[in-house]
N, C-alpha and C. Protein backbone atom coordinates (compact mmCIF):
# COMPACT_ATOMS: atom_id res chain seq x y z
N UNK A 1 255.30 -45.64 55.24
CA UNK A 1 254.21 -46.50 55.60
C UNK A 1 252.93 -45.67 55.52
N UNK A 2 252.03 -46.05 54.68
CA UNK A 2 250.81 -45.27 54.51
C UNK A 2 249.67 -45.96 55.24
N UNK A 3 248.76 -45.12 55.71
CA UNK A 3 247.62 -45.61 56.45
C UNK A 3 246.38 -45.32 55.61
N UNK A 4 245.49 -46.27 55.58
CA UNK A 4 244.29 -46.07 54.77
C UNK A 4 243.38 -45.03 55.40
N UNK A 5 242.44 -44.50 54.59
CA UNK A 5 241.50 -43.50 55.08
C UNK A 5 240.67 -44.02 56.24
N UNK A 6 240.26 -45.24 56.12
CA UNK A 6 239.44 -45.85 57.17
C UNK A 6 240.21 -45.87 58.50
N UNK A 7 241.49 -46.25 58.43
CA UNK A 7 242.32 -46.30 59.64
C UNK A 7 242.55 -44.89 60.18
N UNK A 8 242.75 -43.90 59.27
CA UNK A 8 242.94 -42.53 59.70
C UNK A 8 241.72 -42.03 60.45
N UNK A 9 240.51 -42.32 59.93
CA UNK A 9 239.27 -41.91 60.60
C UNK A 9 239.15 -42.57 61.97
N UNK A 10 239.50 -43.86 62.02
CA UNK A 10 239.43 -44.56 63.30
C UNK A 10 240.42 -43.98 64.30
N UNK A 11 241.64 -43.65 63.82
CA UNK A 11 242.66 -43.07 64.70
C UNK A 11 242.23 -41.69 65.18
N UNK A 12 241.65 -40.88 64.28
CA UNK A 12 241.18 -39.55 64.68
C UNK A 12 240.05 -39.68 65.70
N UNK A 13 239.15 -40.64 65.46
CA UNK A 13 238.04 -40.86 66.40
C UNK A 13 238.59 -41.30 67.77
N UNK A 14 239.57 -42.18 67.76
CA UNK A 14 240.19 -42.65 69.00
C UNK A 14 240.90 -41.50 69.73
N UNK A 15 241.59 -40.63 68.96
CA UNK A 15 242.27 -39.50 69.58
C UNK A 15 241.26 -38.53 70.18
N UNK A 16 240.14 -38.31 69.51
CA UNK A 16 239.09 -37.43 70.02
C UNK A 16 238.52 -38.01 71.32
N UNK A 17 238.29 -39.32 71.35
CA UNK A 17 237.78 -39.96 72.57
C UNK A 17 238.80 -39.84 73.72
N UNK A 18 240.07 -40.01 73.38
CA UNK A 18 241.11 -39.90 74.40
C UNK A 18 241.17 -38.47 74.95
N UNK A 19 241.02 -37.46 74.09
CA UNK A 19 241.02 -36.07 74.54
C UNK A 19 239.81 -35.79 75.43
N UNK A 20 238.64 -36.32 75.05
CA UNK A 20 237.45 -36.12 75.89
C UNK A 20 237.64 -36.80 77.25
N UNK A 21 238.21 -37.99 77.24
CA UNK A 21 238.47 -38.70 78.50
C UNK A 21 239.43 -37.90 79.37
N UNK A 22 240.48 -37.34 78.76
CA UNK A 22 241.45 -36.53 79.49
C UNK A 22 240.78 -35.32 80.13
N UNK A 23 239.92 -34.64 79.36
CA UNK A 23 239.22 -33.46 79.89
C UNK A 23 238.30 -33.83 81.05
N UNK A 24 237.58 -34.94 80.93
CA UNK A 24 236.69 -35.34 82.02
C UNK A 24 237.49 -35.74 83.26
N UNK A 25 238.64 -36.34 83.05
CA UNK A 25 239.48 -36.70 84.19
C UNK A 25 240.01 -35.45 84.88
N UNK A 26 240.36 -34.42 84.10
CA UNK A 26 240.84 -33.17 84.70
C UNK A 26 239.74 -32.52 85.53
N UNK A 27 238.52 -32.55 85.02
CA UNK A 27 237.39 -32.00 85.77
C UNK A 27 237.19 -32.80 87.06
N UNK A 28 237.26 -34.13 86.94
CA UNK A 28 237.09 -34.99 88.10
C UNK A 28 238.18 -34.75 89.14
N UNK A 29 239.43 -34.59 88.71
CA UNK A 29 240.53 -34.33 89.64
C UNK A 29 240.33 -32.97 90.32
N UNK A 30 239.85 -31.99 89.58
CA UNK A 30 239.57 -30.68 90.18
C UNK A 30 238.49 -30.78 91.24
N UNK A 31 237.44 -31.51 90.98
CA UNK A 31 236.38 -31.69 91.97
C UNK A 31 236.88 -32.47 93.18
N UNK A 32 237.71 -33.48 92.92
CA UNK A 32 238.26 -34.26 94.04
C UNK A 32 239.15 -33.38 94.92
N UNK A 33 239.90 -32.47 94.31
CA UNK A 33 240.74 -31.57 95.09
C UNK A 33 239.90 -30.65 95.96
N UNK A 34 238.79 -30.14 95.41
CA UNK A 34 237.93 -29.27 96.23
C UNK A 34 237.28 -30.06 97.37
N UNK A 35 236.90 -31.30 97.10
CA UNK A 35 236.34 -32.14 98.17
C UNK A 35 237.40 -32.40 99.24
N UNK A 36 238.64 -32.64 98.82
CA UNK A 36 239.71 -32.89 99.79
C UNK A 36 239.98 -31.63 100.63
N UNK A 37 239.95 -30.45 100.01
CA UNK A 37 240.15 -29.22 100.77
C UNK A 37 239.04 -29.04 101.81
N UNK A 38 237.82 -29.28 101.40
CA UNK A 38 236.69 -29.13 102.32
C UNK A 38 236.79 -30.17 103.45
N UNK A 39 237.19 -31.39 103.11
CA UNK A 39 237.36 -32.43 104.15
C UNK A 39 238.45 -32.03 105.13
N UNK A 40 239.52 -31.45 104.63
CA UNK A 40 240.60 -31.00 105.51
C UNK A 40 240.11 -29.89 106.43
N UNK A 41 239.34 -28.97 105.89
CA UNK A 41 238.80 -27.87 106.70
C UNK A 41 237.87 -28.42 107.78
N UNK A 42 237.00 -29.37 107.40
CA UNK A 42 236.08 -29.96 108.37
C UNK A 42 236.82 -30.75 109.44
N UNK A 43 237.89 -31.43 109.03
CA UNK A 43 238.70 -32.18 110.00
C UNK A 43 239.35 -31.23 110.99
N UNK A 44 239.81 -30.07 110.53
CA UNK A 44 240.36 -29.07 111.44
C UNK A 44 239.33 -28.59 112.44
N UNK A 45 238.10 -28.32 111.95
CA UNK A 45 237.03 -27.90 112.86
C UNK A 45 236.72 -29.00 113.87
N UNK A 46 236.65 -30.23 113.40
CA UNK A 46 236.36 -31.36 114.29
C UNK A 46 237.44 -31.47 115.37
N UNK A 47 238.69 -31.33 114.94
CA UNK A 47 239.79 -31.42 115.91
C UNK A 47 239.70 -30.33 116.96
N UNK A 48 239.40 -29.09 116.54
CA UNK A 48 239.30 -27.99 117.50
C UNK A 48 238.07 -28.11 118.39
N UNK A 49 236.95 -28.58 117.83
CA UNK A 49 235.70 -28.58 118.58
C UNK A 49 235.48 -29.86 119.39
N UNK A 50 236.01 -30.99 118.93
CA UNK A 50 235.72 -32.25 119.60
C UNK A 50 236.97 -32.86 120.26
N UNK A 51 238.04 -33.01 119.50
CA UNK A 51 239.21 -33.75 119.99
C UNK A 51 239.96 -32.95 121.05
N UNK A 52 240.25 -31.68 120.75
CA UNK A 52 241.05 -30.90 121.68
C UNK A 52 240.39 -30.78 123.05
N UNK A 53 239.07 -30.48 123.15
CA UNK A 53 238.47 -30.43 124.49
C UNK A 53 238.54 -31.77 125.23
N UNK A 54 238.37 -32.86 124.50
CA UNK A 54 238.45 -34.18 125.16
C UNK A 54 239.86 -34.45 125.67
N UNK A 55 240.85 -34.13 124.85
CA UNK A 55 242.23 -34.35 125.27
C UNK A 55 242.57 -33.45 126.45
N UNK A 56 242.13 -32.19 126.38
CA UNK A 56 242.39 -31.27 127.47
C UNK A 56 241.74 -31.76 128.77
N UNK A 57 240.50 -32.24 128.66
CA UNK A 57 239.81 -32.75 129.85
C UNK A 57 240.53 -33.99 130.40
N UNK A 58 240.96 -34.87 129.51
CA UNK A 58 241.70 -36.05 129.96
C UNK A 58 243.01 -35.68 130.63
N UNK A 59 243.70 -34.70 130.05
CA UNK A 59 244.95 -34.25 130.66
C UNK A 59 244.69 -33.68 132.04
N UNK A 60 243.68 -32.81 132.14
CA UNK A 60 243.38 -32.20 133.43
C UNK A 60 242.93 -33.23 134.46
N UNK A 61 242.25 -34.28 133.99
CA UNK A 61 241.75 -35.29 134.92
C UNK A 61 242.84 -36.26 135.36
N UNK A 62 243.68 -36.70 134.41
CA UNK A 62 244.63 -37.75 134.73
C UNK A 62 246.07 -37.27 134.94
N UNK A 63 246.57 -36.39 134.09
CA UNK A 63 247.99 -36.03 134.16
C UNK A 63 248.26 -34.81 135.02
N UNK A 64 247.37 -33.83 135.01
CA UNK A 64 247.62 -32.58 135.73
C UNK A 64 247.86 -32.78 137.23
N UNK A 65 247.12 -33.67 137.91
CA UNK A 65 247.40 -33.85 139.35
C UNK A 65 248.83 -34.32 139.62
N UNK A 66 249.35 -35.19 138.77
CA UNK A 66 250.70 -35.69 138.96
C UNK A 66 251.73 -34.62 138.64
N UNK A 67 251.45 -33.81 137.63
CA UNK A 67 252.35 -32.71 137.30
C UNK A 67 252.39 -31.71 138.46
N UNK A 68 251.22 -31.41 139.03
CA UNK A 68 251.17 -30.50 140.17
C UNK A 68 251.92 -31.08 141.37
N UNK A 69 251.76 -32.38 141.60
CA UNK A 69 252.50 -33.02 142.70
C UNK A 69 254.00 -32.91 142.47
N UNK A 70 254.41 -33.11 141.21
CA UNK A 70 255.83 -32.99 140.89
C UNK A 70 256.35 -31.59 141.15
N UNK A 71 255.56 -30.58 140.78
CA UNK A 71 255.98 -29.20 141.04
C UNK A 71 256.08 -28.95 142.54
N UNK A 72 255.11 -29.47 143.31
CA UNK A 72 255.14 -29.27 144.76
C UNK A 72 256.36 -29.95 145.37
N UNK A 73 256.70 -31.15 144.89
CA UNK A 73 257.87 -31.86 145.42
C UNK A 73 259.13 -31.07 145.12
N UNK A 74 259.22 -30.56 143.90
CA UNK A 74 260.41 -29.78 143.55
C UNK A 74 260.50 -28.53 144.41
N UNK A 75 259.39 -27.82 144.55
CA UNK A 75 259.40 -26.58 145.31
C UNK A 75 259.58 -26.80 146.82
N UNK A 76 259.04 -27.91 147.36
CA UNK A 76 259.10 -28.10 148.80
C UNK A 76 260.31 -28.89 149.27
N UNK A 77 260.92 -29.71 148.41
CA UNK A 77 262.05 -30.51 148.88
C UNK A 77 263.34 -30.26 148.11
N UNK A 78 263.25 -30.27 146.79
CA UNK A 78 264.48 -30.18 146.00
C UNK A 78 265.13 -28.80 146.13
N UNK A 79 264.34 -27.75 146.00
CA UNK A 79 264.91 -26.40 146.08
C UNK A 79 265.48 -26.11 147.47
N UNK A 80 264.74 -26.41 148.55
CA UNK A 80 265.36 -26.18 149.87
C UNK A 80 266.62 -27.02 150.09
N UNK A 81 266.61 -28.26 149.59
CA UNK A 81 267.80 -29.10 149.77
C UNK A 81 268.98 -28.52 149.00
N UNK A 82 268.72 -28.07 147.78
CA UNK A 82 269.79 -27.46 146.99
C UNK A 82 270.28 -26.18 147.68
N UNK A 83 269.34 -25.42 148.23
CA UNK A 83 269.73 -24.21 148.95
C UNK A 83 270.58 -24.52 150.16
N UNK A 84 270.22 -25.59 150.86
CA UNK A 84 271.00 -25.98 152.04
C UNK A 84 272.41 -26.41 151.64
N UNK A 85 272.52 -27.14 150.54
CA UNK A 85 273.84 -27.58 150.07
C UNK A 85 274.68 -26.37 149.68
N UNK A 86 274.07 -25.45 148.94
CA UNK A 86 274.81 -24.25 148.52
C UNK A 86 275.17 -23.42 149.74
N UNK A 87 274.24 -23.29 150.68
CA UNK A 87 274.53 -22.53 151.90
C UNK A 87 275.66 -23.15 152.69
N UNK A 88 275.66 -24.47 152.78
CA UNK A 88 276.73 -25.15 153.49
C UNK A 88 278.07 -24.93 152.80
N UNK A 89 278.06 -25.00 151.49
CA UNK A 89 279.30 -24.78 150.74
C UNK A 89 279.80 -23.35 150.94
N UNK A 90 278.87 -22.38 150.95
CA UNK A 90 279.27 -21.00 151.16
C UNK A 90 279.81 -20.78 152.57
N UNK A 91 279.22 -21.46 153.55
CA UNK A 91 279.71 -21.30 154.92
C UNK A 91 281.11 -21.90 155.07
N UNK A 92 281.36 -23.03 154.40
CA UNK A 92 282.71 -23.62 154.43
C UNK A 92 283.69 -22.67 153.76
N UNK A 93 283.28 -22.07 152.67
CA UNK A 93 284.13 -21.11 151.96
C UNK A 93 284.46 -19.92 152.87
N UNK A 94 283.44 -19.39 153.55
CA UNK A 94 283.67 -18.26 154.45
C UNK A 94 284.58 -18.66 155.61
N UNK A 95 284.38 -19.85 156.14
CA UNK A 95 285.24 -20.31 157.23
C UNK A 95 286.69 -20.43 156.76
N UNK A 96 286.87 -20.93 155.55
CA UNK A 96 288.23 -21.04 155.01
C UNK A 96 288.83 -19.66 154.81
N UNK A 97 288.03 -18.71 154.34
CA UNK A 97 288.54 -17.35 154.15
C UNK A 97 288.91 -16.71 155.49
N UNK A 98 288.08 -16.94 156.51
CA UNK A 98 288.38 -16.41 157.85
C UNK A 98 289.68 -17.00 158.38
N UNK A 99 289.88 -18.29 158.22
CA UNK A 99 291.10 -18.94 158.70
C UNK A 99 292.31 -18.41 157.93
N UNK A 100 292.15 -18.26 156.62
CA UNK A 100 293.23 -17.72 155.80
C UNK A 100 293.58 -16.29 156.24
N UNK A 101 292.56 -15.51 156.56
CA UNK A 101 292.80 -14.13 157.01
C UNK A 101 293.50 -14.12 158.37
N UNK A 102 293.14 -15.04 159.26
CA UNK A 102 293.79 -15.10 160.57
C UNK A 102 295.25 -15.47 160.40
N UNK A 103 295.52 -16.43 159.52
CA UNK A 103 296.91 -16.84 159.31
C UNK A 103 297.71 -15.72 158.66
N UNK A 104 297.10 -14.98 157.76
CA UNK A 104 297.80 -13.89 157.09
C UNK A 104 298.08 -12.74 158.05
N UNK A 105 297.20 -12.52 159.01
CA UNK A 105 297.39 -11.40 159.95
C UNK A 105 298.36 -11.77 161.07
N UNK A 106 298.76 -13.01 161.12
CA UNK A 106 299.73 -13.43 162.12
C UNK A 106 299.11 -13.86 163.42
N UNK A 107 297.82 -14.01 163.48
CA UNK A 107 297.19 -14.42 164.73
C UNK A 107 297.30 -15.93 164.94
N UNK A 108 297.76 -16.63 163.93
CA UNK A 108 297.95 -18.07 164.08
C UNK A 108 296.67 -18.84 163.85
N UNK A 109 296.81 -20.12 164.10
CA UNK A 109 295.68 -21.01 163.86
C UNK A 109 295.05 -21.34 165.19
N UNK A 110 293.81 -20.92 165.36
CA UNK A 110 293.11 -21.19 166.61
C UNK A 110 292.03 -22.24 166.35
N UNK A 111 291.62 -22.89 167.41
CA UNK A 111 290.55 -23.86 167.26
C UNK A 111 289.26 -23.13 166.90
N UNK A 112 288.53 -23.68 165.95
CA UNK A 112 287.33 -22.97 165.52
C UNK A 112 286.23 -23.02 166.57
N UNK A 113 285.45 -21.98 166.61
CA UNK A 113 284.30 -21.90 167.50
C UNK A 113 283.14 -22.56 166.76
N UNK A 114 282.78 -23.77 167.17
CA UNK A 114 281.78 -24.53 166.43
C UNK A 114 280.40 -23.90 166.49
N UNK A 115 280.06 -23.26 167.59
CA UNK A 115 278.75 -22.63 167.70
C UNK A 115 278.65 -21.46 166.72
N UNK A 116 279.70 -20.68 166.66
CA UNK A 116 279.70 -19.52 165.77
C UNK A 116 279.59 -19.97 164.30
N UNK A 117 280.35 -20.98 163.94
CA UNK A 117 280.31 -21.45 162.56
C UNK A 117 278.98 -22.15 162.23
N UNK A 118 278.40 -22.81 163.21
CA UNK A 118 277.09 -23.43 163.00
C UNK A 118 276.02 -22.39 162.73
N UNK A 119 276.08 -21.28 163.50
CA UNK A 119 275.12 -20.19 163.28
C UNK A 119 275.33 -19.57 161.90
N UNK A 120 276.59 -19.36 161.54
CA UNK A 120 276.88 -18.79 160.21
C UNK A 120 276.40 -19.72 159.10
N UNK A 121 276.62 -21.01 159.29
CA UNK A 121 276.20 -21.98 158.26
C UNK A 121 274.69 -21.96 158.11
N UNK A 122 273.96 -21.93 159.21
CA UNK A 122 272.50 -21.87 159.14
C UNK A 122 272.03 -20.59 158.46
N UNK A 123 272.65 -19.48 158.81
CA UNK A 123 272.28 -18.19 158.23
C UNK A 123 272.53 -18.20 156.71
N UNK A 124 273.70 -18.64 156.29
CA UNK A 124 274.02 -18.67 154.86
C UNK A 124 273.12 -19.65 154.10
N UNK A 125 272.80 -20.77 154.72
CA UNK A 125 271.93 -21.76 154.08
C UNK A 125 270.54 -21.18 153.85
N UNK A 126 270.00 -20.49 154.88
CA UNK A 126 268.68 -19.87 154.71
C UNK A 126 268.70 -18.81 153.62
N UNK A 127 269.73 -17.98 153.62
CA UNK A 127 269.81 -16.92 152.60
C UNK A 127 269.93 -17.52 151.19
N UNK A 128 270.77 -18.53 151.06
CA UNK A 128 270.95 -19.15 149.74
C UNK A 128 269.67 -19.84 149.28
N UNK A 129 268.98 -20.50 150.21
CA UNK A 129 267.72 -21.16 149.86
C UNK A 129 266.69 -20.15 149.39
N UNK A 130 266.55 -19.03 150.13
CA UNK A 130 265.60 -17.99 149.71
C UNK A 130 265.98 -17.41 148.36
N UNK A 131 267.25 -17.16 148.18
CA UNK A 131 267.72 -16.56 146.92
C UNK A 131 267.45 -17.50 145.74
N UNK A 132 267.79 -18.77 145.90
CA UNK A 132 267.60 -19.73 144.79
C UNK A 132 266.13 -19.98 144.49
N UNK A 133 265.31 -20.10 145.53
CA UNK A 133 263.88 -20.34 145.27
C UNK A 133 263.24 -19.13 144.61
N UNK A 134 263.61 -17.91 145.02
CA UNK A 134 263.06 -16.71 144.38
C UNK A 134 263.53 -16.61 142.93
N UNK A 135 264.78 -16.92 142.70
CA UNK A 135 265.31 -16.86 141.33
C UNK A 135 264.67 -17.91 140.44
N UNK A 136 264.43 -19.10 140.96
CA UNK A 136 263.81 -20.17 140.19
C UNK A 136 262.37 -19.82 139.85
N UNK A 137 261.63 -19.23 140.79
CA UNK A 137 260.25 -18.85 140.52
C UNK A 137 260.18 -17.77 139.46
N UNK A 138 261.13 -16.84 139.46
CA UNK A 138 261.14 -15.79 138.43
C UNK A 138 261.52 -16.33 137.07
N UNK A 139 262.47 -17.26 137.03
CA UNK A 139 262.98 -17.73 135.74
C UNK A 139 262.08 -18.74 135.06
N UNK A 140 261.16 -19.37 135.76
CA UNK A 140 260.30 -20.38 135.16
C UNK A 140 258.87 -19.84 135.06
N UNK A 141 258.53 -19.18 133.95
CA UNK A 141 257.16 -18.68 133.81
C UNK A 141 256.19 -19.84 133.60
N UNK A 142 254.96 -19.63 134.03
CA UNK A 142 253.94 -20.67 133.90
C UNK A 142 253.49 -20.75 132.46
N UNK A 143 253.47 -21.97 131.93
CA UNK A 143 253.03 -22.16 130.55
C UNK A 143 251.51 -22.28 130.52
N UNK A 144 250.92 -21.69 129.49
CA UNK A 144 249.46 -21.74 129.35
C UNK A 144 249.04 -22.81 128.35
N UNK A 145 249.93 -23.19 127.44
CA UNK A 145 249.56 -24.12 126.37
C UNK A 145 249.77 -25.57 126.76
N UNK A 146 249.55 -26.42 125.79
CA UNK A 146 249.69 -27.85 125.99
C UNK A 146 251.17 -28.21 125.90
N UNK A 147 251.63 -29.04 126.78
CA UNK A 147 253.03 -29.42 126.81
C UNK A 147 253.26 -30.78 126.16
N UNK A 148 254.41 -31.35 126.47
CA UNK A 148 254.79 -32.64 125.89
C UNK A 148 253.84 -33.74 126.34
N UNK A 149 253.36 -33.67 127.56
CA UNK A 149 252.42 -34.68 128.05
C UNK A 149 251.12 -34.67 127.27
N UNK A 150 250.64 -33.49 126.93
CA UNK A 150 249.41 -33.39 126.14
C UNK A 150 249.60 -33.97 124.75
N UNK A 151 250.77 -33.69 124.14
CA UNK A 151 251.05 -34.22 122.80
C UNK A 151 251.13 -35.74 122.84
N UNK A 152 251.80 -36.27 123.86
CA UNK A 152 251.91 -37.73 123.99
C UNK A 152 250.53 -38.34 124.20
N UNK A 153 249.69 -37.68 125.00
CA UNK A 153 248.33 -38.20 125.23
C UNK A 153 247.53 -38.21 123.93
N UNK A 154 247.68 -37.19 123.11
CA UNK A 154 246.98 -37.15 121.82
C UNK A 154 247.44 -38.30 120.94
N UNK A 155 248.75 -38.49 120.85
CA UNK A 155 249.30 -39.55 120.01
C UNK A 155 248.81 -40.91 120.48
N UNK A 156 248.85 -41.14 121.79
CA UNK A 156 248.38 -42.43 122.31
C UNK A 156 246.89 -42.61 122.08
N UNK A 157 246.09 -41.55 122.20
CA UNK A 157 244.65 -41.63 121.95
C UNK A 157 244.35 -41.95 120.51
N UNK A 158 245.08 -41.32 119.58
CA UNK A 158 244.88 -41.59 118.15
C UNK A 158 245.29 -43.02 117.83
N UNK A 159 246.40 -43.47 118.41
CA UNK A 159 246.85 -44.85 118.16
C UNK A 159 245.83 -45.86 118.71
N UNK A 160 245.28 -45.58 119.89
CA UNK A 160 244.27 -46.48 120.46
C UNK A 160 243.02 -46.51 119.61
N UNK A 161 242.58 -45.34 119.13
CA UNK A 161 241.40 -45.29 118.28
C UNK A 161 241.64 -46.04 116.98
N UNK A 162 242.84 -45.90 116.41
CA UNK A 162 243.16 -46.62 115.18
C UNK A 162 243.16 -48.13 115.43
N UNK A 163 243.67 -48.55 116.57
CA UNK A 163 243.66 -49.98 116.91
C UNK A 163 242.26 -50.52 117.06
N UNK A 164 241.39 -49.76 117.70
CA UNK A 164 239.99 -50.19 117.87
C UNK A 164 239.30 -50.27 116.51
N UNK A 165 239.52 -49.28 115.67
CA UNK A 165 238.91 -49.29 114.34
C UNK A 165 239.41 -50.47 113.51
N UNK A 166 240.70 -50.76 113.58
CA UNK A 166 241.26 -51.88 112.82
C UNK A 166 240.67 -53.20 113.33
N UNK A 167 240.58 -53.34 114.64
CA UNK A 167 240.02 -54.57 115.19
C UNK A 167 238.55 -54.74 114.78
N UNK A 168 237.79 -53.65 114.80
CA UNK A 168 236.40 -53.72 114.37
C UNK A 168 236.30 -54.07 112.89
N UNK A 169 237.15 -53.49 112.09
CA UNK A 169 237.14 -53.78 110.66
C UNK A 169 237.47 -55.25 110.40
N UNK A 170 238.48 -55.76 111.11
CA UNK A 170 238.84 -57.16 110.94
C UNK A 170 237.71 -58.09 111.37
N UNK A 171 236.98 -57.69 112.38
CA UNK A 171 235.89 -58.52 112.89
C UNK A 171 234.69 -58.51 111.96
N UNK A 172 234.36 -57.37 111.43
CA UNK A 172 233.12 -57.22 110.68
C UNK A 172 233.26 -57.39 109.17
N UNK A 173 234.44 -57.52 108.65
CA UNK A 173 234.58 -57.60 107.19
C UNK A 173 234.12 -58.96 106.67
N UNK A 174 233.69 -58.97 105.42
CA UNK A 174 233.28 -60.22 104.79
C UNK A 174 234.51 -60.80 104.10
N UNK A 175 235.00 -61.88 104.59
CA UNK A 175 236.21 -62.46 104.06
C UNK A 175 235.85 -63.69 103.24
N UNK A 176 235.98 -63.58 101.93
CA UNK A 176 235.66 -64.70 101.04
C UNK A 176 236.77 -65.72 101.00
N UNK A 177 237.92 -65.36 101.54
CA UNK A 177 239.03 -66.29 101.51
C UNK A 177 238.87 -67.40 102.55
N UNK A 178 238.08 -67.15 103.56
CA UNK A 178 237.86 -68.18 104.56
C UNK A 178 236.92 -69.23 103.98
N UNK A 179 237.31 -70.47 104.05
CA UNK A 179 236.50 -71.53 103.47
C UNK A 179 236.46 -72.69 104.44
N UNK A 180 235.30 -73.17 104.67
CA UNK A 180 235.14 -74.32 105.55
C UNK A 180 234.46 -75.41 104.73
N UNK A 181 235.04 -76.59 104.73
CA UNK A 181 234.49 -77.69 103.96
C UNK A 181 233.16 -78.14 104.56
N UNK A 182 232.24 -78.54 103.68
CA UNK A 182 230.94 -79.02 104.16
C UNK A 182 231.08 -80.36 104.88
N UNK A 183 231.88 -81.26 104.30
CA UNK A 183 232.09 -82.57 104.90
C UNK A 183 233.50 -82.64 105.45
N UNK A 184 233.65 -83.23 106.61
CA UNK A 184 235.03 -83.38 107.10
C UNK A 184 235.81 -84.34 106.21
N UNK A 185 237.08 -84.14 106.13
CA UNK A 185 237.92 -84.99 105.30
C UNK A 185 237.96 -86.40 105.88
N UNK A 186 237.85 -87.34 104.98
CA UNK A 186 237.92 -88.73 105.43
C UNK A 186 239.36 -89.21 105.38
N UNK A 187 239.67 -90.15 106.21
CA UNK A 187 241.00 -90.74 106.19
C UNK A 187 241.12 -91.60 104.92
N UNK A 188 242.25 -91.61 104.31
CA UNK A 188 242.41 -92.42 103.10
C UNK A 188 242.28 -93.90 103.41
N UNK A 189 241.68 -94.62 102.46
CA UNK A 189 241.54 -96.06 102.63
C UNK A 189 242.88 -96.73 102.41
N UNK A 190 243.21 -97.66 103.29
CA UNK A 190 244.50 -98.31 103.18
C UNK A 190 244.42 -99.59 102.41
C-alpha cells in the first residue's frame, strides 16, 4: 500500500505536532510535580504551625481533665482495692500454711485466734498495697507525646471541617440542574 507524497508530508507534520505536544505535556507534568511538592511542604508547615497547636489546646482543655481524673481514680481506688484483695489472699495463704504446720507438728487443730489473724491480714494487705502501687508507678512511665485520644480528636476535627466545607459548597454552588417553571402547571381540560 503506497502513500502519496502529500499524505506523507501531512503524516510527518502530524507526527511532529504530536512530538511537540508530548514534550510540552512532559514539561507541564514536571512543573505540576514541583507545585505538588511545594504544596505538600506548605501543608506540613501549616499542620505543625496551625493545626497541631489547636488540637493540643483542645485536648488540654477538654480531654486532659478527664484523663487526669481517670488516673486519680485508678491510683486512689483501684490500686488500693487490688492491694487489699492480694493482701487478703496472702493472709489466707499464710493462715493455711500455719494450720498445715501445726497439723504436721502434731499440735492438732486449734481454734484460730481471730484477732491475731485480723492483724496479720491488715499488715499483709498494707504491704501488698504499697508494693503494688510502687511497682505500678515505676512500670508506667509518663508519656510526653500525643496519645490515642489526640489522634481521635484530630480525625474528628478533620471530619467535622470536611462536613462544614461540603455543606457550604452545596449551599453556595450554582446548580443549573434546578429548574422552576415560570407558570404553574394547569390541570388538563376534561
